[in-house]
PDB file of N, CA and C in Angstrom:
ATOM      1  N   UNK A   1       0.653  -1.737   0.131  1.00  0.00           N
ATOM      2  CA  UNK A   1      -0.234   0.114  -0.055  1.00  0.00           C
ATOM      3  C   UNK A   1       0.675   1.569  -0.203  1.00  0.00           C
ATOM      4  N   UNK A   2       0.698   2.224  -0.979  1.00  0.00           N
ATOM      5  CA  UNK A   2       1.528   3.093  -0.609  1.00  0.00           C
ATOM      6  C   UNK A   2       0.921   4.429  -0.089  1.00  0.00           C
ATOM      7  N   UNK A   3       1.936   5.577   0.347  1.00  0.00           N
ATOM      8  CA  UNK A   3       1.126   6.468   1.240  1.00  0.00           C
ATOM      9  C   UNK A   3       0.217   7.098   0.705  1.00  0.00           C
ATOM     10  N   UNK A   4       0.361   7.674   0.130  1.00  0.00           N
ATOM     11  CA  UNK A   4      -1.072   8.647  -0.364  1.00  0.00           C
ATOM     12  C   UNK A   4      -2.558   7.578  -0.328  1.00  0.00           C
ATOM     13  N   UNK A   5      -2.125   6.175  -0.701  1.00  0.00           N
ATOM     14  CA  UNK A   5      -4.148   5.853  -0.117  1.00  0.00           C
ATOM     15  C   UNK A   5      -3.643   4.940   1.208  1.00  0.00           C
ATOM     16  N   UNK A   6      -2.993   5.473   1.917  1.00  0.00           N
ATOM     17  CA  UNK A   6      -3.016   5.000   3.014  1.00  0.00           C
ATOM     18  C   UNK A   6      -3.560   6.134   3.753  1.00  0.00           C
ATOM     19  N   UNK A   7      -2.852   7.188   3.350  1.00  0.00           N
ATOM     20  CA  UNK A   7      -3.592   8.494   4.221  1.00  0.00           C
ATOM     21  C   UNK A   7      -5.013   9.093   3.721  1.00  0.00           C
ATOM     22  N   UNK A   8      -5.472   8.567   2.972  1.00  0.00           N
ATOM     23  CA  UNK A   8      -6.503   8.521   2.298  1.00  0.00           C
ATOM     24  C   UNK A   8      -7.445   7.702   2.580  1.00  0.00           C
ATOM     25  N   UNK A   9      -7.299   6.550   2.810  1.00  0.00           N
ATOM     26  CA  UNK A   9      -7.881   5.829   3.712  1.00  0.00           C
ATOM     27  C   UNK A   9      -7.854   6.083   5.366  1.00  0.00           C
ATOM     28  N   UNK A  10      -6.744   6.703   5.811  1.00  0.00           N
ATOM     29  CA  UNK A  10      -7.113   6.855   7.307  1.00  0.00           C
ATOM     30  C   UNK A  10      -7.658   8.102   7.578  1.00  0.00           C
ATOM     31  N   UNK A  11      -7.709   9.334   6.752  1.00  0.00           N
ATOM     32  CA  UNK A  11      -8.281  10.054   6.731  1.00  0.00           C
ATOM     33  C   UNK A  11     -10.389   9.682   6.586  1.00  0.00           C
ATOM     34  N   UNK A  12     -10.592   8.744   5.606  1.00  0.00           N
ATOM     35  CA  UNK A  12     -11.701   8.307   5.740  1.00  0.00           C
ATOM     36  C   UNK A  12     -11.975   7.548   7.043  1.00  0.00           C
ATOM     37  N   UNK A  13     -11.554   6.874   7.805  1.00  0.00           N
ATOM     38  CA  UNK A  13     -11.222   6.573   8.795  1.00  0.00           C
ATOM     39  C   UNK A  13     -12.124   7.228   9.752  1.00  0.00           C
ATOM     40  N   UNK A  14     -11.142   8.635  10.211  1.00  0.00           N
ATOM     41  CA  UNK A  14     -11.293   9.355  11.200  1.00  0.00           C
ATOM     42  C   UNK A  14     -12.044  10.220  10.629  1.00  0.00           C
ATOM     43  N   UNK A  15     -12.520  10.681   9.422  1.00  0.00           N
ATOM     44  CA  UNK A  15     -14.135  10.925   9.041  1.00  0.00           C
ATOM     45  C   UNK A  15     -15.342  10.677   9.055  1.00  0.00           C
ATOM     46  N   UNK A  16     -15.154   8.972   9.502  1.00  0.00           N
ATOM     47  CA  UNK A  16     -16.438   8.117   9.988  1.00  0.00           C
ATOM     48  C   UNK A  16     -16.525   8.383  11.720  1.00  0.00           C
ATOM     49  N   UNK A  17     -14.959   7.803  11.945  1.00  0.00           N
ATOM     50  CA  UNK A  17     -14.853   7.930  13.807  1.00  0.00           C
ATOM     51  C   UNK A  17     -15.868   9.383  13.732  1.00  0.00           C
ATOM     52  N   UNK A  18     -15.529  10.811  13.763  1.00  0.00           N
ATOM     53  CA  UNK A  18     -15.472  12.603  13.741  1.00  0.00           C
ATOM     54  C   UNK A  18     -17.549  11.950  13.779  1.00  0.00           C
ATOM     55  N   UNK A  19     -17.786  11.148  12.503  1.00  0.00           N
ATOM     56  CA  UNK A  19     -19.347  11.472  12.431  1.00  0.00           C
ATOM     57  C   UNK A  19     -19.978  10.250  13.248  1.00  0.00           C
ATOM     58  N   UNK A  20     -19.458   9.469  13.878  1.00  0.00           N
ATOM     59  CA  UNK A  20     -20.028   9.335  15.063  1.00  0.00           C
ATOM     60  C   UNK A  20     -20.808   9.819  16.366  1.00  0.00           C
ATOM     61  N   UNK A  21     -21.785   9.129  16.426  1.00  0.00           N
ATOM     62  CA  UNK A  21     -21.697  10.166  18.241  1.00  0.00           C
ATOM     63  C   UNK A  21     -21.400   9.431  19.139  1.00  0.00           C
ATOM     64  N   UNK A  22     -20.614   9.397  20.144  1.00  0.00           N
ATOM     65  CA  UNK A  22     -20.249   9.039  21.583  1.00  0.00           C
ATOM     66  C   UNK A  22     -21.353   9.278  22.212  1.00  0.00           C
ATOM     67  N   UNK A  23     -22.190   7.889  22.897  1.00  0.00           N
ATOM     68  CA  UNK A  23     -22.778   7.988  24.084  1.00  0.00           C
ATOM     69  C   UNK A  23     -21.867   7.936  25.382  1.00  0.00           C
ATOM     70  N   UNK A  24     -22.270   8.875  26.538  1.00  0.00           N
ATOM     71  CA  UNK A  24     -21.508   8.913  27.158  1.00  0.00           C
ATOM     72  C   UNK A  24     -23.092   8.510  28.298  1.00  0.00           C
ATOM     73  N   UNK A  25     -22.598   7.647  29.344  1.00  0.00           N
ATOM     74  CA  UNK A  25     -23.782   6.829  30.336  1.00  0.00           C
ATOM     75  C   UNK A  25     -24.310   7.782  31.225  1.00  0.00           C
ATOM     76  N   UNK A  26     -25.539   8.214  31.446  1.00  0.00           N
ATOM     77  CA  UNK A  26     -26.115   9.213  32.262  1.00  0.00           C
ATOM     78  C   UNK A  26     -26.360   8.559  33.535  1.00  0.00           C
ATOM     79  N   UNK A  27     -25.437   8.033  33.985  1.00  0.00           N
ATOM     80  CA  UNK A  27     -25.236   7.187  35.384  1.00  0.00           C
ATOM     81  C   UNK A  27     -25.326   8.303  36.893  1.00  0.00           C
ATOM     82  N   UNK A  28     -24.775   9.497  36.568  1.00  0.00           N
ATOM     83  CA  UNK A  28     -24.669  10.230  37.781  1.00  0.00           C
ATOM     84  C   UNK A  28     -25.519  11.433  37.521  1.00  0.00           C
ATOM     85  N   UNK A  29     -26.197  11.350  36.230  1.00  0.00           N
ATOM     86  CA  UNK A  29     -27.113  12.132  36.133  1.00  0.00           C
ATOM     87  C   UNK A  29     -28.008  12.419  37.736  1.00  0.00           C
ATOM     88  N   UNK A  30     -28.390  11.357  38.763  1.00  0.00           N
ATOM     89  CA  UNK A  30     -29.501  11.294  39.829  1.00  0.00           C
ATOM     90  C   UNK A  30     -28.558  12.313  40.701  1.00  0.00           C
ATOM     91  N   UNK A  31     -27.197  12.306  40.806  1.00  0.00           N
ATOM     92  CA  UNK A  31     -26.691  12.820  42.181  1.00  0.00           C
ATOM     93  C   UNK A  31     -26.747  14.255  41.932  1.00  0.00           C
ATOM     94  N   UNK A  32     -26.762  15.005  40.758  1.00  0.00           N
ATOM     95  CA  UNK A  32     -27.367  16.468  40.455  1.00  0.00           C
ATOM     96  C   UNK A  32     -28.466  17.114  40.144  1.00  0.00           C
ATOM     97  N   UNK A  33     -29.038  15.885  40.799  1.00  0.00           N
ATOM     98  CA  UNK A  33     -30.977  16.660  40.418  1.00  0.00           C
ATOM     99  C   UNK A  33     -31.022  17.152  41.688  1.00  0.00           C
ATOM    100  N   UNK A  34     -32.682  18.010  41.771  1.00  0.00           N
ATOM    101  CA  UNK A  34     -32.790  18.900  42.944  1.00  0.00           C
ATOM    102  C   UNK A  34     -33.477  17.330  43.791  1.00  0.00           C
ATOM    103  N   UNK A  35     -33.608  16.851  43.371  1.00  0.00           N
ATOM    104  CA  UNK A  35     -34.363  15.445  44.771  1.00  0.00           C
ATOM    105  C   UNK A  35     -33.194  14.983  45.725  1.00  0.00           C
ATOM    106  N   UNK A  36     -31.907  14.878  44.829  1.00  0.00           N
ATOM    107  CA  UNK A  36     -30.905  14.438  45.402  1.00  0.00           C
ATOM    108  C   UNK A  36     -30.333  15.405  46.446  1.00  0.00           C
ATOM    109  N   UNK A  37     -30.261  16.057  46.719  1.00  0.00           N
ATOM    110  CA  UNK A  37     -29.944  17.349  46.770  1.00  0.00           C
ATOM    111  C   UNK A  37     -30.979  17.916  48.152  1.00  0.00           C
ATOM    112  N   UNK A  38     -32.320  17.547  47.797  1.00  0.00           N
ATOM    113  CA  UNK A  38     -33.342  17.714  48.992  1.00  0.00           C
ATOM    114  C   UNK A  38     -33.229  16.461  49.850  1.00  0.00           C
ATOM    115  N   UNK A  39     -32.938  15.273  49.336  1.00  0.00           N
ATOM    116  CA  UNK A  39     -32.701  14.075  50.155  1.00  0.00           C
ATOM    117  C   UNK A  39     -31.621  14.139  50.632  1.00  0.00           C
ATOM    118  N   UNK A  40     -30.619  14.684  50.381  1.00  0.00           N
ATOM    119  CA  UNK A  40     -29.624  14.618  51.159  1.00  0.00           C
ATOM    120  C   UNK A  40     -30.131  15.688  52.482  1.00  0.00           C
ATOM    121  N   UNK A  41     -30.496  17.323  52.121  1.00  0.00           N
ATOM    122  CA  UNK A  41     -30.803  18.316  53.224  1.00  0.00           C
ATOM    123  C   UNK A  41     -31.466  17.288  54.325  1.00  0.00           C
ATOM    124  N   UNK A  42     -32.475  16.812  53.798  1.00  0.00           N
ATOM    125  CA  UNK A  42     -33.205  15.625  55.207  1.00  0.00           C
ATOM    126  C   UNK A  42     -32.968  15.117  55.900  1.00  0.00           C
ATOM    127  N   UNK A  43     -31.939  14.000  55.324  1.00  0.00           N
ATOM    128  CA  UNK A  43     -31.023  13.405  55.867  1.00  0.00           C
ATOM    129  C   UNK A  43     -30.207  13.633  56.480  1.00  0.00           C
ATOM    130  N   UNK A  44     -29.509  15.159  56.716  1.00  0.00           N
ATOM    131  CA  UNK A  44     -28.933  16.067  57.087  1.00  0.00           C
ATOM    132  C   UNK A  44     -29.341  16.420  58.459  1.00  0.00           C
ATOM    133  N   UNK A  45     -30.536  17.300  58.043  1.00  0.00           N
ATOM    134  CA  UNK A  45     -31.303  17.866  59.022  1.00  0.00           C
ATOM    135  C   UNK A  45     -31.851  16.429  60.099  1.00  0.00           C
ATOM    136  N   UNK A  46     -32.350  15.028  59.557  1.00  0.00           N
ATOM    137  CA  UNK A  46     -32.882  14.416  60.350  1.00  0.00           C
ATOM    138  C   UNK A  46     -31.733  13.934  61.415  1.00  0.00           C
ATOM    139  N   UNK A  47     -30.505  13.753  60.479  1.00  0.00           N
ATOM    140  CA  UNK A  47     -29.601  13.109  61.787  1.00  0.00           C
ATOM    141  C   UNK A  47     -29.042  13.867  63.195  1.00  0.00           C
ATOM    142  N   UNK A  48     -28.376  15.295  62.203  1.00  0.00           N
ATOM    143  CA  UNK A  48     -28.220  16.294  63.490  1.00  0.00           C
ATOM    144  C   UNK A  48     -29.993  16.637  64.265  1.00  0.00           C
ATOM    145  N   UNK A  49     -30.724  16.519  63.827  1.00  0.00           N
ATOM    146  CA  UNK A  49     -32.008  16.586  65.230  1.00  0.00           C
ATOM    147  C   UNK A  49     -31.972  15.877  65.795  1.00  0.00           C
ATOM    148  N   UNK A  50     -31.361  14.592  65.305  1.00  0.00           N
ATOM    149  CA  UNK A  50     -31.984  12.961  65.514  1.00  0.00           C
ATOM    150  C   UNK A  50     -30.736  13.232  67.368  1.00  0.00           C
ATOM    151  N   UNK A  51     -29.516  13.583  66.422  1.00  0.00           N
ATOM    152  CA  UNK A  51     -28.442  13.447  67.365  1.00  0.00           C
ATOM    153  C   UNK A  51     -28.768  14.491  68.885  1.00  0.00           C
ATOM    154  N   UNK A  52     -29.463  16.131  68.491  1.00  0.00           N
ATOM    155  CA  UNK A  52     -29.908  17.110  69.362  1.00  0.00           C
ATOM    156  C   UNK A  52     -30.570  16.589  70.390  1.00  0.00           C
ATOM    157  N   UNK A  53     -31.822  15.140  70.102  1.00  0.00           N
ATOM    158  CA  UNK A  53     -32.728  14.862  70.507  1.00  0.00           C
ATOM    159  C   UNK A  53     -32.079  13.535  71.559  1.00  0.00           C
ATOM    160  N   UNK A  54     -32.052  13.070  70.964  1.00  0.00           N
ATOM    161  CA  UNK A  54     -31.057  11.662  72.260  1.00  0.00           C
ATOM    162  C   UNK A  54     -30.200  12.614  73.619  1.00  0.00           C
ATOM    163  N   UNK A  55     -29.461  13.439  72.761  1.00  0.00           N
ATOM    164  CA  UNK A  55     -28.506  14.353  74.039  1.00  0.00           C
ATOM    165  C   UNK A  55     -29.452  15.077  75.363  1.00  0.00           C
ATOM    166  N   UNK A  56     -30.116  15.070  74.866  1.00  0.00           N
ATOM    167  CA  UNK A  56     -31.621  16.220  75.387  1.00  0.00           C
ATOM    168  C   UNK A  56     -32.277  14.689  76.444  1.00  0.00           C
ATOM    169  N   UNK A  57     -32.435  14.323  75.907  1.00  0.00           N
ATOM    170  CA  UNK A  57     -33.456  12.424  76.332  1.00  0.00           C
ATOM    171  C   UNK A  57     -31.927  12.143  77.203  1.00  0.00           C
ATOM    172  N   UNK A  58     -30.631  12.143  76.833  1.00  0.00           N
ATOM    173  CA  UNK A  58     -29.684  11.658  78.335  1.00  0.00           C
ATOM    174  C   UNK A  58     -29.720  13.134  79.181  1.00  0.00           C
ATOM    175  N   UNK A  59     -29.287  13.440  78.745  1.00  0.00           N
ATOM    176  CA  UNK A  59     -29.382  15.301  80.093  1.00  0.00           C
ATOM    177  C   UNK A  59     -30.193  15.022  81.085  1.00  0.00           C
ATOM    178  N   UNK A  60     -32.434  14.797  80.020  1.00  0.00           N
ATOM    179  CA  UNK A  60     -32.966  15.074  81.229  1.00  0.00           C
ATOM    180  C   UNK A  60     -33.719  13.634  81.756  1.00  0.00           C
ATOM    181  N   UNK A  61     -33.045  12.590  81.731  1.00  0.00           N
ATOM    182  CA  UNK A  61     -33.458  11.017  82.088  1.00  0.00           C
ATOM    183  C   UNK A  61     -32.417  10.081  82.730  1.00  0.00           C
ATOM    184  N   UNK A  62     -30.981  10.386  82.377  1.00  0.00           N
ATOM    185  CA  UNK A  62     -30.332   9.220  82.624  1.00  0.00           C
ATOM    186  C   UNK A  62     -28.697   9.936  83.471  1.00  0.00           C
ATOM    187  N   UNK A  63     -28.836  11.386  83.133  1.00  0.00           N
ATOM    188  CA  UNK A  63     -27.426  12.484  83.737  1.00  0.00           C
ATOM    189  C   UNK A  63     -27.841  12.460  85.195  1.00  0.00           C
ATOM    190  N   UNK A  64     -26.993  12.174  85.879  1.00  0.00           N
ATOM    191  CA  UNK A  64     -27.035  12.591  87.493  1.00  0.00           C
ATOM    192  C   UNK A  64     -26.540  13.834  88.136  1.00  0.00           C
ATOM    193  N   UNK A  65     -27.326  15.216  88.154  1.00  0.00           N
ATOM    194  CA  UNK A  65     -26.914  16.562  88.263  1.00  0.00           C
ATOM    195  C   UNK A  65     -26.775  16.685  89.792  1.00  0.00           C
ATOM    196  N   UNK A  66     -26.921  15.606  90.405  1.00  0.00           N
ATOM    197  CA  UNK A  66     -26.538  16.359  92.109  1.00  0.00           C
ATOM    198  C   UNK A  66     -25.019  16.582  92.137  1.00  0.00           C
ATOM    199  N   UNK A  67     -24.783  17.513  93.496  1.00  0.00           N
ATOM    200  CA  UNK A  67     -23.100  18.207  93.359  1.00  0.00           C
ATOM    201  C   UNK A  67     -22.792  16.977  94.438  1.00  0.00           C
ATOM    202  N   UNK A  68     -22.082  16.526  94.455  1.00  0.00           N
ATOM    203  CA  UNK A  68     -21.614  16.246  95.675  1.00  0.00           C
ATOM    204  C   UNK A  68     -21.228  17.030  97.409  1.00  0.00           C
ATOM    205  N   UNK A  69     -21.645  16.406  98.005  1.00  0.00           N
ATOM    206  CA  UNK A  69     -21.209  17.533  99.592  1.00  0.00           C
ATOM    207  C   UNK A  69     -19.856  17.990  99.744  1.00  0.00           C
ATOM    208  N   UNK A  70     -19.905  19.072  99.581  1.00  0.00           N
ATOM    209  CA  UNK A  70     -18.285  19.712 100.028  1.00  0.00           C
ATOM    210  C   UNK A  70     -17.875  18.947 101.083  1.00  0.00           C
ATOM    211  N   UNK A  71     -16.652  18.743 101.069  1.00  0.00           N
ATOM    212  CA  UNK A  71     -15.814  18.067 101.893  1.00  0.00           C
ATOM    213  C   UNK A  71     -15.256  18.692 103.523  1.00  0.00           C
ATOM    214  N   UNK A  72     -15.849  18.694 104.643  1.00  0.00           N
ATOM    215  CA  UNK A  72     -15.617  18.904 105.636  1.00  0.00           C
ATOM    216  C   UNK A  72     -14.048  19.182 106.280  1.00  0.00           C
ATOM    217  N   UNK A  73     -13.431  20.581 106.675  1.00  0.00           N
ATOM    218  CA  UNK A  73     -12.334  19.969 106.929  1.00  0.00           C
ATOM    219  C   UNK A  73     -12.146  20.636 108.610  1.00  0.00           C
ATOM    220  N   UNK A  74     -11.489  19.930 109.620  1.00  0.00           N
ATOM    221  CA  UNK A  74     -11.414  19.705 110.941  1.00  0.00           C
ATOM    222  C   UNK A  74     -10.341  20.878 111.204  1.00  0.00           C
ATOM    223  N   UNK A  75     -10.419  22.033 112.035  1.00  0.00           N
ATOM    224  CA  UNK A  75      -9.564  22.673 112.608  1.00  0.00           C
ATOM    225  C   UNK A  75      -9.335  23.896 111.902  1.00  0.00           C
ATOM    226  N   UNK A  76     -10.681  24.070 110.857  1.00  0.00           N
ATOM    227  CA  UNK A  76     -10.127  25.101 110.077  1.00  0.00           C
ATOM    228  C   UNK A  76     -11.317  26.342 110.692  1.00  0.00           C
ATOM    229  N   UNK A  77     -10.936  27.714 110.028  1.00  0.00           N
ATOM    230  CA  UNK A  77     -11.728  28.614 110.279  1.00  0.00           C
ATOM    231  C   UNK A  77     -12.670  28.782 109.130  1.00  0.00           C
ATOM    232  N   UNK A  78     -14.100  29.132 109.115  1.00  0.00           N
ATOM    233  CA  UNK A  78     -14.568  29.487 107.631  1.00  0.00           C
ATOM    234  C   UNK A  78     -14.130  30.957 106.966  1.00  0.00           C
ATOM    235  N   UNK A  79     -14.428  30.709 105.702  1.00  0.00           N
ATOM    236  CA  UNK A  79     -13.630  32.649 105.726  1.00  0.00           C
ATOM    237  C   UNK A  79     -14.635  33.331 105.023  1.00  0.00           C
ATOM    238  N   UNK A  80     -14.594  34.555 105.225  1.00  0.00           N
ATOM    239  CA  UNK A  80     -15.386  34.913 104.868  1.00  0.00           C
ATOM    240  C   UNK A  80     -16.590  35.829 106.545  1.00  0.00           C
TER     241      UNK A  80
END
């Protein structure tokens, strides 16, 4: 095969390849949608609020907030 005929056949292959439309997979369209952003916002707010409610329930029902009695020292004078 001579060089000019090889170049013309190569040019034909390139022209044919340019005419074909390359299909890009549309798998990540959902992750850029408004539905996905709204879903993540709801999950985030639910998680933060849930942790806040859990902490509030812990402090209300489980945590013991009583202070221990102050130690009494013998042979001391009260200050003040």
